[in-house]
Amino acid sequence: LGAADTAGVIQVAQGCGPGWARGPYGRCRPIYGPRPVYRAPIYRAP
C-alpha cells in the first residue's frame, strides 16, 4: 500500500494530445475555456 510507481507511466490527455480533452460526446475539444456559440443567421424575406 502507498507504493505509487509512476516512473514508467506517461500521462496522456485521454488520447487527444496536449491541450485537448474528450468532450461529452467523446470527441476531442480544446481544454481552455468555453468557446462562443455561432448561430446561423435567421433569414427573413424582404
PDB file of all heavy atoms in Angstrom:
ATOM      1  N   LEU A   1       0.835  -1.201   0.000  1.00  0.00           N
ATOM      2  CA  LEU A   1       0.000   0.000   0.000  1.00  0.00           C
ATOM      3  C   LEU A   1       0.870   1.250   0.000  1.00  0.00           C
ATOM      4  O   LEU A   1       1.872   1.332   0.688  1.00  0.00           O
ATOM      5  CB  LEU A   1      -0.927   0.002   1.215  1.00  0.00           C
ATOM      6  CG  LEU A   1      -1.974  -1.109   1.231  1.00  0.00           C
ATOM      7  CD1 LEU A   1      -2.739  -1.068   2.541  1.00  0.00           C
ATOM      8  CD2 LEU A   1      -2.914  -0.950   0.069  1.00  0.00           C
ATOM      9  N   GLY A   2       0.469   2.230  -0.755  1.00  0.00           N
ATOM     10  CA  GLY A   2       1.188   3.502  -0.795  1.00  0.00           C
ATOM     11  C   GLY A   2       2.346   3.502  -1.775  1.00  0.00           C
ATOM     12  O   GLY A   2       3.044   4.495  -1.902  1.00  0.00           O
ATOM     13  N   ALA A   3       2.576   2.424  -2.453  1.00  0.00           N
ATOM     14  CA  ALA A   3       3.677   2.371  -3.408  1.00  0.00           C
ATOM     15  C   ALA A   3       3.145   2.770  -4.777  1.00  0.00           C
ATOM     16  O   ALA A   3       2.626   1.949  -5.515  1.00  0.00           O
ATOM     17  CB  ALA A   3       4.284   0.979  -3.448  1.00  0.00           C
ATOM     18  N   ALA A   4       3.251   4.025  -5.116  1.00  0.00           N
ATOM     19  CA  ALA A   4       2.772   4.523  -6.410  1.00  0.00           C
ATOM     20  C   ALA A   4       3.958   4.595  -7.354  1.00  0.00           C
ATOM     21  O   ALA A   4       4.755   5.520  -7.315  1.00  0.00           O
ATOM     22  CB  ALA A   4       2.125   5.886  -6.239  1.00  0.00           C
ATOM     23  N   ASP A   5       4.089   3.614  -8.205  1.00  0.00           N
ATOM     24  CA  ASP A   5       5.186   3.571  -9.160  1.00  0.00           C
ATOM     25  C   ASP A   5       4.715   4.196 -10.463  1.00  0.00           C
ATOM     26  O   ASP A   5       4.105   3.548 -11.306  1.00  0.00           O
ATOM     27  CB  ASP A   5       5.628   2.125  -9.385  1.00  0.00           C
ATOM     28  CG  ASP A   5       6.809   2.048 -10.336  1.00  0.00           C
ATOM     29  OD1 ASP A   5       7.530   3.053 -10.452  1.00  0.00           O
ATOM     30  OD2 ASP A   5       6.983   0.990 -10.964  1.00  0.00           O
ATOM     31  N   THR A   6       4.989   5.484 -10.634  1.00  0.00           N
ATOM     32  CA  THR A   6       4.580   6.184 -11.853  1.00  0.00           C
ATOM     33  C   THR A   6       5.773   6.483 -12.742  1.00  0.00           C
ATOM     34  O   THR A   6       5.665   7.272 -13.662  1.00  0.00           O
ATOM     35  CB  THR A   6       3.855   7.495 -11.500  1.00  0.00           C
ATOM     36  OG1 THR A   6       4.753   8.315 -10.739  1.00  0.00           O
ATOM     37  CG2 THR A   6       2.594   7.224 -10.733  1.00  0.00           C
ATOM     38  N   ALA A   7       6.901   5.880 -12.464  1.00  0.00           N
ATOM     39  CA  ALA A   7       8.091   6.167 -13.259  1.00  0.00           C
ATOM     40  C   ALA A   7       7.925   5.670 -14.692  1.00  0.00           C
ATOM     41  O   ALA A   7       8.428   6.281 -15.624  1.00  0.00           O
ATOM     42  CB  ALA A   7       9.310   5.523 -12.611  1.00  0.00           C
ATOM     43  N   GLY A   8       7.213   4.568 -14.894  1.00  0.00           N
ATOM     44  CA  GLY A   8       7.065   4.021 -16.229  1.00  0.00           C
ATOM     45  C   GLY A   8       5.758   4.412 -16.901  1.00  0.00           C
ATOM     46  O   GLY A   8       5.403   3.852 -17.928  1.00  0.00           O
ATOM     47  N   VAL A   9       5.039   5.377 -16.336  1.00  0.00           N
ATOM     48  CA  VAL A   9       3.732   5.760 -16.878  1.00  0.00           C
ATOM     49  C   VAL A   9       3.823   7.165 -17.452  1.00  0.00           C
ATOM     50  O   VAL A   9       4.314   8.082 -16.807  1.00  0.00           O
ATOM     51  CB  VAL A   9       2.641   5.716 -15.785  1.00  0.00           C
ATOM     52  CG1 VAL A   9       1.320   6.180 -16.341  1.00  0.00           C
ATOM     53  CG2 VAL A   9       2.537   4.331 -15.215  1.00  0.00           C
ATOM     54  N   ILE A  10       3.372   7.340 -18.689  1.00  0.00           N
ATOM     55  CA  ILE A  10       3.328   8.659 -19.320  1.00  0.00           C
ATOM     56  C   ILE A  10       1.867   9.082 -19.377  1.00  0.00           C
ATOM     57  O   ILE A  10       1.033   8.393 -19.949  1.00  0.00           O
ATOM     58  CB  ILE A  10       3.922   8.614 -20.733  1.00  0.00           C
ATOM     59  CG1 ILE A  10       5.382   8.180 -20.674  1.00  0.00           C
ATOM     60  CG2 ILE A  10       3.776   9.961 -21.417  1.00  0.00           C
ATOM     61  CD1 ILE A  10       5.992   7.930 -22.020  1.00  0.00           C
ATOM     62  N   GLN A  11       1.556  10.222 -18.769  1.00  0.00           N
ATOM     63  CA  GLN A  11       0.188  10.717 -18.751  1.00  0.00           C
ATOM     64  C   GLN A  11      -0.162  11.307 -20.120  1.00  0.00           C
ATOM     65  O   GLN A  11       0.558  12.136 -20.651  1.00  0.00           O
ATOM     66  CB  GLN A  11       0.010  11.783 -17.672  1.00  0.00           C
ATOM     67  CG  GLN A  11       0.190  11.261 -16.264  1.00  0.00           C
ATOM     68  CD  GLN A  11      -0.937  10.340 -15.869  1.00  0.00           C
ATOM     69  OE1 GLN A  11      -2.055  10.490 -16.323  1.00  0.00           O
ATOM     70  NE2 GLN A  11      -0.637   9.370 -15.021  1.00  0.00           N
ATOM     71  N   VAL A  12      -1.285  10.888 -20.689  1.00  0.00           N
ATOM     72  CA  VAL A  12      -1.771  11.379 -21.974  1.00  0.00           C
ATOM     73  C   VAL A  12      -3.172  11.932 -21.750  1.00  0.00           C
ATOM     74  O   VAL A  12      -3.949  11.368 -20.996  1.00  0.00           O
ATOM     75  CB  VAL A  12      -1.801  10.236 -23.015  1.00  0.00           C
ATOM     76  CG1 VAL A  12      -2.342  10.729 -24.332  1.00  0.00           C
ATOM     77  CG2 VAL A  12      -0.414   9.661 -23.185  1.00  0.00           C
ATOM     78  N   ALA A  13      -3.500  13.030 -22.406  1.00  0.00           N
ATOM     79  CA  ALA A  13      -4.805  13.671 -22.222  1.00  0.00           C
ATOM     80  C   ALA A  13      -5.884  12.885 -22.948  1.00  0.00           C
ATOM     81  O   ALA A  13      -6.407  13.308 -23.967  1.00  0.00           O
ATOM     82  CB  ALA A  13      -4.764  15.106 -22.704  1.00  0.00           C
ATOM     83  N   GLN A  14      -6.215  11.719 -22.454  1.00  0.00           N
ATOM     84  CA  GLN A  14      -7.312  10.880 -22.936  1.00  0.00           C
ATOM     85  C   GLN A  14      -7.195  10.571 -24.430  1.00  0.00           C
ATOM     86  O   GLN A  14      -8.182  10.414 -25.115  1.00  0.00           O
ATOM     87  CB  GLN A  14      -8.646  11.547 -22.641  1.00  0.00           C
ATOM     88  CG  GLN A  14      -8.848  11.819 -21.181  1.00  0.00           C
ATOM     89  CD  GLN A  14     -10.060  12.673 -20.929  1.00  0.00           C
ATOM     90  OE1 GLN A  14     -10.719  13.135 -21.840  1.00  0.00           O
ATOM     91  NE2 GLN A  14     -10.369  12.885 -19.682  1.00  0.00           N
ATOM     92  N   GLY A  15      -5.993  10.531 -24.955  1.00  0.00           N
ATOM     93  CA  GLY A  15      -5.806  10.164 -26.347  1.00  0.00           C
ATOM     94  C   GLY A  15      -5.974  11.301 -27.327  1.00  0.00           C
ATOM     95  O   GLY A  15      -5.929  11.083 -28.528  1.00  0.00           O
ATOM     96  N   CYS A  16      -6.179  12.518 -26.849  1.00  0.00           N
ATOM     97  CA  CYS A  16      -6.403  13.654 -27.741  1.00  0.00           C
ATOM     98  C   CYS A  16      -5.144  14.493 -27.956  1.00  0.00           C
ATOM     99  O   CYS A  16      -5.106  15.293 -28.864  1.00  0.00           O
ATOM    100  CB  CYS A  16      -7.503  14.554 -27.175  1.00  0.00           C
ATOM    101  SG  CYS A  16      -9.112  13.770 -27.179  1.00  0.00           S
ATOM    102  N   GLY A  17      -4.151  14.340 -27.114  1.00  0.00           N
ATOM    103  CA  GLY A  17      -2.936  15.128 -27.242  1.00  0.00           C
ATOM    104  C   GLY A  17      -2.923  16.273 -26.252  1.00  0.00           C
ATOM    105  O   GLY A  17      -3.909  16.545 -25.565  1.00  0.00           O
ATOM    106  N   PRO A  18      -1.802  16.983 -26.164  1.00  0.00           N
ATOM    107  CA  PRO A  18      -1.694  18.075 -25.199  1.00  0.00           C
ATOM    108  C   PRO A  18      -2.608  19.241 -25.564  1.00  0.00           C
ATOM    109  O   PRO A  18      -2.696  19.639 -26.722  1.00  0.00           O
ATOM    110  CB  PRO A  18      -0.223  18.469 -25.266  1.00  0.00           C
ATOM    111  CG  PRO A  18       0.259  17.968 -26.572  1.00  0.00           C
ATOM    112  CD  PRO A  18      -0.567  16.766 -26.899  1.00  0.00           C
ATOM    113  N   GLY A  19      -3.275  19.774 -24.571  1.00  0.00           N
ATOM    114  CA  GLY A  19      -4.173  20.912 -24.779  1.00  0.00           C
ATOM    115  C   GLY A  19      -5.573  20.525 -25.219  1.00  0.00           C
ATOM    116  O   GLY A  19      -6.404  21.390 -25.444  1.00  0.00           O
ATOM    117  N   TRP A  20      -5.855  19.239 -25.331  1.00  0.00           N
ATOM    118  CA  TRP A  20      -7.160  18.759 -25.774  1.00  0.00           C
ATOM    119  C   TRP A  20      -7.660  17.700 -24.801  1.00  0.00           C
ATOM    120  O   TRP A  20      -6.883  17.031 -24.144  1.00  0.00           O
ATOM    121  CB  TRP A  20      -7.061  18.152 -27.166  1.00  0.00           C
ATOM    122  CG  TRP A  20      -6.722  19.161 -28.207  1.00  0.00           C
ATOM    123  CD1 TRP A  20      -5.499  19.699 -28.458  1.00  0.00           C
ATOM    124  CD2 TRP A  20      -7.619  19.781 -29.116  1.00  0.00           C
ATOM    125  NE1 TRP A  20      -5.581  20.608 -29.478  1.00  0.00           N
ATOM    126  CE2 TRP A  20      -6.869  20.670 -29.901  1.00  0.00           C
ATOM    127  CE3 TRP A  20      -8.972  19.663 -29.355  1.00  0.00           C
ATOM    128  CZ2 TRP A  20      -7.438  21.447 -30.891  1.00  0.00           C
ATOM    129  CZ3 TRP A  20      -9.533  20.425 -30.352  1.00  0.00           C
ATOM    130  CH2 TRP A  20      -8.781  21.310 -31.105  1.00  0.00           C
ATOM    131  N   ALA A  21      -8.964  17.531 -24.702  1.00  0.00           N
ATOM    132  CA  ALA A  21      -9.577  16.525 -23.833  1.00  0.00           C
ATOM    133  C   ALA A  21     -10.851  16.020 -24.496  1.00  0.00           C
ATOM    134  O   ALA A  21     -11.356  16.621 -25.443  1.00  0.00           O
ATOM    135  CB  ALA A  21      -9.893  17.110 -22.466  1.00  0.00           C
ATOM    136  N   ARG A  22     -11.355  14.928 -23.968  1.00  0.00           N
ATOM    137  CA  ARG A  22     -12.597  14.360 -24.501  1.00  0.00           C
ATOM    138  C   ARG A  22     -13.782  15.183 -24.035  1.00  0.00           C
ATOM    139  O   ARG A  22     -13.894  15.546 -22.878  1.00  0.00           O
ATOM    140  CB  ARG A  22     -12.786  12.924 -24.035  1.00  0.00           C
ATOM    141  CG  ARG A  22     -11.743  11.990 -24.546  1.00  0.00           C
ATOM    142  CD  ARG A  22     -12.119  11.499 -25.906  1.00  0.00           C
ATOM    143  NE  ARG A  22     -11.047  10.631 -26.400  1.00  0.00           N
ATOM    144  CZ  ARG A  22     -10.948  10.224 -27.624  1.00  0.00           C
ATOM    145  NH1 ARG A  22     -11.849  10.567 -28.489  1.00  0.00           N
ATOM    146  NH2 ARG A  22      -9.958   9.466 -27.999  1.00  0.00           N
ATOM    147  N   GLY A  23     -14.701  15.452 -24.947  1.00  0.00           N
ATOM    148  CA  GLY A  23     -15.917  16.184 -24.632  1.00  0.00           C
ATOM    149  C   GLY A  23     -17.016  15.239 -24.185  1.00  0.00           C
ATOM    150  O   GLY A  23     -16.809  14.029 -24.026  1.00  0.00           O
ATOM    151  N   PRO A  24     -18.236  15.757 -23.980  1.00  0.00           N
ATOM    152  CA  PRO A  24     -19.330  14.912 -23.508  1.00  0.00           C
ATOM    153  C   PRO A  24     -19.744  13.836 -24.507  1.00  0.00           C
ATOM    154  O   PRO A  24     -20.316  12.839 -24.120  1.00  0.00           O
ATOM    155  CB  PRO A  24     -20.469  15.900 -23.261  1.00  0.00           C
ATOM    156  CG  PRO A  24     -20.111  17.130 -23.993  1.00  0.00           C
ATOM    157  CD  PRO A  24     -18.619  17.155 -24.114  1.00  0.00           C
ATOM    158  N   TYR A  25     -19.447  14.008 -25.784  1.00  0.00           N
ATOM    159  CA  TYR A  25     -19.822  13.015 -26.788  1.00  0.00           C
ATOM    160  C   TYR A  25     -18.628  12.218 -27.288  1.00  0.00           C
ATOM    161  O   TYR A  25     -18.708  11.559 -28.304  1.00  0.00           O
ATOM    162  CB  TYR A  25     -20.535  13.683 -27.955  1.00  0.00           C
ATOM    163  CG  TYR A  25     -21.802  14.365 -27.523  1.00  0.00           C
ATOM    164  CD1 TYR A  25     -21.907  15.739 -27.502  1.00  0.00           C
ATOM    165  CD2 TYR A  25     -22.885  13.615 -27.079  1.00  0.00           C
ATOM    166  CE1 TYR A  25     -23.054  16.358 -27.082  1.00  0.00           C
ATOM    167  CE2 TYR A  25     -24.039  14.227 -26.660  1.00  0.00           C
ATOM    168  CZ  TYR A  25     -24.121  15.598 -26.666  1.00  0.00           C
ATOM    169  OH  TYR A  25     -25.259  16.210 -26.236  1.00  0.00           O
ATOM    170  N   GLY A  26     -17.478  12.308 -26.595  1.00  0.00           N
ATOM    171  CA  GLY A  26     -16.316  11.514 -26.928  1.00  0.00           C
ATOM    172  C   GLY A  26     -15.413  12.107 -27.981  1.00  0.00           C
ATOM    173  O   GLY A  26     -14.446  11.481 -28.366  1.00  0.00           O
ATOM    174  N   ARG A  27     -15.690  13.298 -28.450  1.00  0.00           N
ATOM    175  CA  ARG A  27     -14.834  13.917 -29.451  1.00  0.00           C
ATOM    176  C   ARG A  27     -13.806  14.807 -28.759  1.00  0.00           C
ATOM    177  O   ARG A  27     -14.034  15.306 -27.667  1.00  0.00           O
ATOM    178  CB  ARG A  27     -15.666  14.750 -30.412  1.00  0.00           C
ATOM    179  CG  ARG A  27     -16.715  13.888 -31.106  1.00  0.00           C
ATOM    180  CD  ARG A  27     -17.379  14.613 -32.178  1.00  0.00           C
ATOM    181  NE  ARG A  27     -16.496  14.525 -33.346  1.00  0.00           N
ATOM    182  CZ  ARG A  27     -16.797  15.017 -34.531  1.00  0.00           C
ATOM    183  NH1 ARG A  27     -17.924  15.635 -34.705  1.00  0.00           N
ATOM    184  NH2 ARG A  27     -15.969  14.904 -35.533  1.00  0.00           N
ATOM    185  N   CYS A  28     -12.683  15.033 -29.393  1.00  0.00           N
ATOM    186  CA  CYS A  28     -11.631  15.873 -28.824  1.00  0.00           C
ATOM    187  C   CYS A  28     -12.018  17.348 -28.949  1.00  0.00           C
ATOM    188  O   CYS A  28     -12.522  17.781 -29.981  1.00  0.00           O
ATOM    189  CB  CYS A  28     -10.313  15.611 -29.543  1.00  0.00           C
ATOM    190  SG  CYS A  28      -9.684  13.954 -29.273  1.00  0.00           S
ATOM    191  N   ARG A  29     -11.777  18.094 -27.869  1.00  0.00           N
ATOM    192  CA  ARG A  29     -12.054  19.530 -27.863  1.00  0.00           C
ATOM    193  C   ARG A  29     -10.975  20.222 -27.049  1.00  0.00           C
ATOM    194  O   ARG A  29     -10.333  19.595 -26.204  1.00  0.00           O
ATOM    195  CB  ARG A  29     -13.440  19.819 -27.279  1.00  0.00           C
ATOM    196  CG  ARG A  29     -13.569  19.402 -25.836  1.00  0.00           C
ATOM    197  CD  ARG A  29     -14.994  19.620 -25.360  1.00  0.00           C
ATOM    198  NE  ARG A  29     -15.142  19.113 -24.025  1.00  0.00           N
ATOM    199  CZ  ARG A  29     -15.183  19.871 -22.939  1.00  0.00           C
ATOM    200  NH1 ARG A  29     -15.103  21.169 -23.051  1.00  0.00           N
ATOM    201  NH2 ARG A  29     -15.310  19.339 -21.756  1.00  0.00           N
ATOM    202  N   PRO A  30     -10.730  21.505 -27.263  1.00  0.00           N
ATOM    203  CA  PRO A  30      -9.686  22.186 -26.505  1.00  0.00           C
ATOM    204  C   PRO A  30     -10.057  22.313 -25.028  1.00  0.00           C
ATOM    205  O   PRO A  30     -11.234  22.420 -24.688  1.00  0.00           O
ATOM    206  CB  PRO A  30      -9.578  23.558 -27.175  1.00  0.00           C
ATOM    207  CG  PRO A  30     -10.811  23.718 -27.968  1.00  0.00           C
ATOM    208  CD  PRO A  30     -11.340  22.356 -28.273  1.00  0.00           C
ATOM    209  N   ILE A  31      -9.023  22.289 -24.181  1.00  0.00           N
ATOM    210  CA  ILE A  31      -9.260  22.346 -22.740  1.00  0.00           C
ATOM    211  C   ILE A  31      -9.607  23.766 -22.296  1.00  0.00           C
ATOM    212  O   ILE A  31     -10.402  23.960 -21.392  1.00  0.00           O
ATOM    213  CB  ILE A  31      -8.012  21.834 -21.986  1.00  0.00           C
ATOM    214  CG1 ILE A  31      -7.821  20.353 -22.244  1.00  0.00           C
ATOM    215  CG2 ILE A  31      -8.125  22.090 -20.495  1.00  0.00           C
ATOM    216  CD1 ILE A  31      -6.563  19.776 -21.647  1.00  0.00           C
ATOM    217  N   TYR A  32      -9.030  24.777 -22.931  1.00  0.00           N
ATOM    218  CA  TYR A  32      -9.190  26.141 -22.455  1.00  0.00           C
ATOM    219  C   TYR A  32     -10.594  26.670 -22.666  1.00  0.00           C
ATOM    220  O   TYR A  32     -11.106  26.652 -23.744  1.00  0.00           O
ATOM    221  CB  TYR A  32      -8.178  27.068 -23.140  1.00  0.00           C
ATOM    222  CG  TYR A  32      -8.165  26.955 -24.637  1.00  0.00           C
ATOM    223  CD1 TYR A  32      -9.050  27.673 -25.412  1.00  0.00           C
ATOM    224  CD2 TYR A  32      -7.273  26.115 -25.269  1.00  0.00           C
ATOM    225  CE1 TYR A  32      -9.049  27.564 -26.782  1.00  0.00           C
ATOM    226  CE2 TYR A  32      -7.259  25.997 -26.642  1.00  0.00           C
ATOM    227  CZ  TYR A  32      -8.151  26.734 -27.391  1.00  0.00           C
ATOM    228  OH  TYR A  32      -8.137  26.614 -28.756  1.00  0.00           O
ATOM    229  N   GLY A  33     -11.225  27.127 -21.617  1.00  0.00           N
ATOM    230  CA  GLY A  33     -12.484  27.839 -21.552  1.00  0.00           C
ATOM    231  C   GLY A  33     -13.564  27.530 -22.581  1.00  0.00           C
ATOM    232  O   GLY A  33     -13.340  26.837 -23.542  1.00  0.00           O
ATOM    233  N   PRO A  34     -14.750  28.070 -22.343  1.00  0.00           N
ATOM    234  CA  PRO A  34     -15.854  27.860 -23.288  1.00  0.00           C
ATOM    235  C   PRO A  34     -15.642  28.683 -24.552  1.00  0.00           C
ATOM    236  O   PRO A  34     -15.121  29.791 -24.506  1.00  0.00           O
ATOM    237  CB  PRO A  34     -17.080  28.329 -22.514  1.00  0.00           C
ATOM    238  CG  PRO A  34     -16.555  29.292 -21.520  1.00  0.00           C
ATOM    239  CD  PRO A  34     -15.170  28.822 -21.162  1.00  0.00           C
ATOM    240  N   ARG A  35     -16.070  28.132 -25.674  1.00  0.00           N
ATOM    241  CA  ARG A  35     -15.975  28.837 -26.944  1.00  0.00           C
ATOM    242  C   ARG A  35     -17.317  29.489 -27.238  1.00  0.00           C
ATOM    243  O   ARG A  35     -18.361  28.984 -26.832  1.00  0.00           O
ATOM    244  CB  ARG A  35     -15.610  27.873 -28.055  1.00  0.00           C
ATOM    245  CG  ARG A  35     -14.237  27.289 -27.871  1.00  0.00           C
ATOM    246  CD  ARG A  35     -13.879  26.396 -29.006  1.00  0.00           C
ATOM    247  NE  ARG A  35     -14.886  25.346 -29.131  1.00  0.00           N
ATOM    248  CZ  ARG A  35     -14.741  24.284 -29.882  1.00  0.00           C
ATOM    249  NH1 ARG A  35     -13.658  24.127 -30.569  1.00  0.00           N
ATOM    250  NH2 ARG A  35     -15.682  23.374 -29.956  1.00  0.00           N
ATOM    251  N   PRO A  36     -17.306  30.603 -27.974  1.00  0.00           N
ATOM    252  CA  PRO A  36     -18.586  31.228 -28.312  1.00  0.00           C
ATOM    253  C   PRO A  36     -19.384  30.348 -29.265  1.00  0.00           C
ATOM    254  O   PRO A  36     -18.822  29.631 -30.081  1.00  0.00           O
ATOM    255  CB  PRO A  36     -18.180  32.543 -28.975  1.00  0.00           C
ATOM    256  CG  PRO A  36     -16.799  32.300 -29.466  1.00  0.00           C
ATOM    257  CD  PRO A  36     -16.165  31.342 -28.483  1.00  0.00           C
ATOM    258  N   VAL A  37     -20.675  30.429 -29.142  1.00  0.00           N
ATOM    259  CA  VAL A  37     -21.563  29.648 -29.996  1.00  0.00           C
ATOM    260  C   VAL A  37     -21.969  30.518 -31.176  1.00  0.00           C
ATOM    261  O   VAL A  37     -22.523  31.597 -31.000  1.00  0.00           O
ATOM    262  CB  VAL A  37     -22.817  29.190 -29.211  1.00  0.00           C
ATOM    263  CG1 VAL A  37     -23.773  28.464 -30.124  1.00  0.00           C
ATOM    264  CG2 VAL A  37     -22.404  28.330 -28.048  1.00  0.00           C
ATOM    265  N   TYR A  38     -21.639  30.055 -32.363  1.00  0.00           N
ATOM    266  CA  TYR A  38     -22.008  30.789 -33.562  1.00  0.00           C
ATOM    267  C   TYR A  38     -23.306  30.212 -34.094  1.00  0.00           C
ATOM    268  O   TYR A  38     -23.383  29.033 -34.397  1.00  0.00           O
ATOM    269  CB  TYR A  38     -20.904  30.668 -34.613  1.00  0.00           C
ATOM    270  CG  TYR A  38     -19.616  31.323 -34.176  1.00  0.00           C
ATOM    271  CD1 TYR A  38     -18.539  30.560 -33.769  1.00  0.00           C
ATOM    272  CD2 TYR A  38     -19.501  32.704 -34.148  1.00  0.00           C
ATOM    273  CE1 TYR A  38     -17.364  31.161 -33.358  1.00  0.00           C
ATOM    274  CE2 TYR A  38     -18.341  33.311 -33.734  1.00  0.00           C
ATOM    275  CZ  TYR A  38     -17.265  32.533 -33.342  1.00  0.00           C
ATOM    276  OH  TYR A  38     -16.118  33.131 -32.931  1.00  0.00           O
ATOM    277  N   ARG A  39     -24.310  31.055 -34.189  1.00  0.00           N
ATOM    278  CA  ARG A  39     -25.601  30.607 -34.672  1.00  0.00           C
ATOM    279  C   ARG A  39     -25.801  31.077 -36.104  1.00  0.00           C
ATOM    280  O   ARG A  39     -25.332  32.134 -36.485  1.00  0.00           O
ATOM    281  CB  ARG A  39     -26.711  31.152 -33.792  1.00  0.00           C
ATOM    282  CG  ARG A  39     -26.590  30.623 -32.393  1.00  0.00           C
ATOM    283  CD  ARG A  39     -27.634  31.216 -31.505  1.00  0.00           C
ATOM    284  NE  ARG A  39     -27.303  30.833 -30.131  1.00  0.00           N
ATOM    285  CZ  ARG A  39     -28.168  30.492 -29.245  1.00  0.00           C
ATOM    286  NH1 ARG A  39     -29.436  30.489 -29.541  1.00  0.00           N
ATOM    287  NH2 ARG A  39     -27.803  30.158 -28.034  1.00  0.00           N
ATOM    288  N   ALA A  40     -26.511  30.289 -36.848  1.00  0.00           N
ATOM    289  CA  ALA A  40     -26.803  30.650 -38.232  1.00  0.00           C
ATOM    290  C   ALA A  40     -27.743  31.857 -38.240  1.00  0.00           C
ATOM    291  O   ALA A  40     -28.657  31.955 -37.424  1.00  0.00           O
ATOM    292  CB  ALA A  40     -27.454  29.474 -38.946  1.00  0.00           C
ATOM    293  N   PRO A  41     -27.501  32.787 -39.152  1.00  0.00           N
ATOM    294  CA  PRO A  41     -28.396  33.948 -39.204  1.00  0.00           C
ATOM    295  C   PRO A  41     -29.801  33.534 -39.633  1.00  0.00           C
ATOM    296  O   PRO A  41     -29.984  32.611 -40.420  1.00  0.00           O
ATOM    297  CB  PRO A  41     -27.742  34.854 -40.248  1.00  0.00           C
ATOM    298  CG  PRO A  41     -26.906  33.949 -41.071  1.00  0.00           C
ATOM    299  CD  PRO A  41     -26.454  32.842 -40.160  1.00  0.00           C
ATOM    300  N   ILE A  42     -30.761  34.225 -39.097  1.00  0.00           N
ATOM    301  CA  ILE A  42     -32.157  33.944 -39.435  1.00  0.00           C
ATOM    302  C   ILE A  42     -32.489  34.698 -40.718  1.00  0.00           C
ATOM    303  O   ILE A  42     -32.302  35.908 -40.809  1.00  0.00           O
ATOM    304  CB  ILE A  42     -33.094  34.385 -38.294  1.00  0.00           C
ATOM    305  CG1 ILE A  42     -32.764  33.595 -37.036  1.00  0.00           C
ATOM    306  CG2 ILE A  42     -34.543  34.191 -38.684  1.00  0.00           C
ATOM    307  CD1 ILE A  42     -33.491  34.094 -35.810  1.00  0.00           C
ATOM    308  N   TYR A  43     -32.958  33.973 -41.708  1.00  0.00           N
ATOM    309  CA  TYR A  43     -33.297  34.590 -42.985  1.00  0.00           C
ATOM    310  C   TYR A  43     -34.747  35.030 -42.965  1.00  0.00           C
ATOM    311  O   TYR A  43     -35.643  34.232 -42.706  1.00  0.00           O
ATOM    312  CB  TYR A  43     -33.065  33.611 -44.143  1.00  0.00           C
ATOM    313  CG  TYR A  43     -33.485  34.188 -45.467  1.00  0.00           C
ATOM    314  CD1 TYR A  43     -32.706  35.145 -46.100  1.00  0.00           C
ATOM    315  CD2 TYR A  43     -34.672  33.806 -46.064  1.00  0.00           C
ATOM    316  CE1 TYR A  43     -33.091  35.694 -47.303  1.00  0.00           C
ATOM    317  CE2 TYR A  43     -35.072  34.342 -47.268  1.00  0.00           C
ATOM    318  CZ  TYR A  43     -34.276  35.291 -47.881  1.00  0.00           C
ATOM    319  OH  TYR A  43     -34.669  35.831 -49.058  1.00  0.00           O
ATOM    320  N   ARG A  44     -34.942  36.294 -43.236  1.00  0.00           N
ATOM    321  CA  ARG A  44     -36.298  36.828 -43.347  1.00  0.00           C
ATOM    322  C   ARG A  44     -36.449  37.429 -44.738  1.00  0.00           C
ATOM    323  O   ARG A  44     -35.568  38.137 -45.213  1.00  0.00           O
ATOM    324  CB  ARG A  44     -36.533  37.908 -42.299  1.00  0.00           C
ATOM    325  CG  ARG A  44     -36.536  37.363 -40.899  1.00  0.00           C
ATOM    326  CD  ARG A  44     -36.927  38.434 -39.906  1.00  0.00           C
ATOM    327  NE  ARG A  44     -36.825  37.878 -38.565  1.00  0.00           N
ATOM    328  CZ  ARG A  44     -36.360  38.522 -37.521  1.00  0.00           C
ATOM    329  NH1 ARG A  44     -35.966  39.765 -37.654  1.00  0.00           N
ATOM    330  NH2 ARG A  44     -36.299  37.949 -36.356  1.00  0.00           N
ATOM    331  N   ALA A  45     -37.573  37.138 -45.332  1.00  0.00           N
ATOM    332  CA  ALA A  45     -37.836  37.675 -46.665  1.00  0.00           C
ATOM    333  C   ALA A  45     -37.992  39.191 -46.578  1.00  0.00           C
ATOM    334  O   ALA A  45     -38.553  39.721 -45.614  1.00  0.00           O
ATOM    335  CB  ALA A  45     -39.096  37.044 -47.241  1.00  0.00           C
ATOM    336  N   PRO A  46     -37.481  39.907 -47.552  1.00  0.00           N
ATOM    337  CA  PRO A  46     -37.619  41.366 -47.506  1.00  0.00           C
ATOM    338  C   PRO A  46     -39.083  41.785 -47.647  1.00  0.00           C
ATOM    339  O   PRO A  46     -39.876  41.133 -48.327  1.00  0.00           O
ATOM    340  CB  PRO A  46     -36.788  41.839 -48.709  1.00  0.00           C
ATOM    341  CG  PRO A  46     -36.723  40.655 -49.611  1.00  0.00           C
ATOM    342  CD  PRO A  46     -36.764  39.458 -48.727  1.00  0.00           C
TER     343      PRO A  46
END
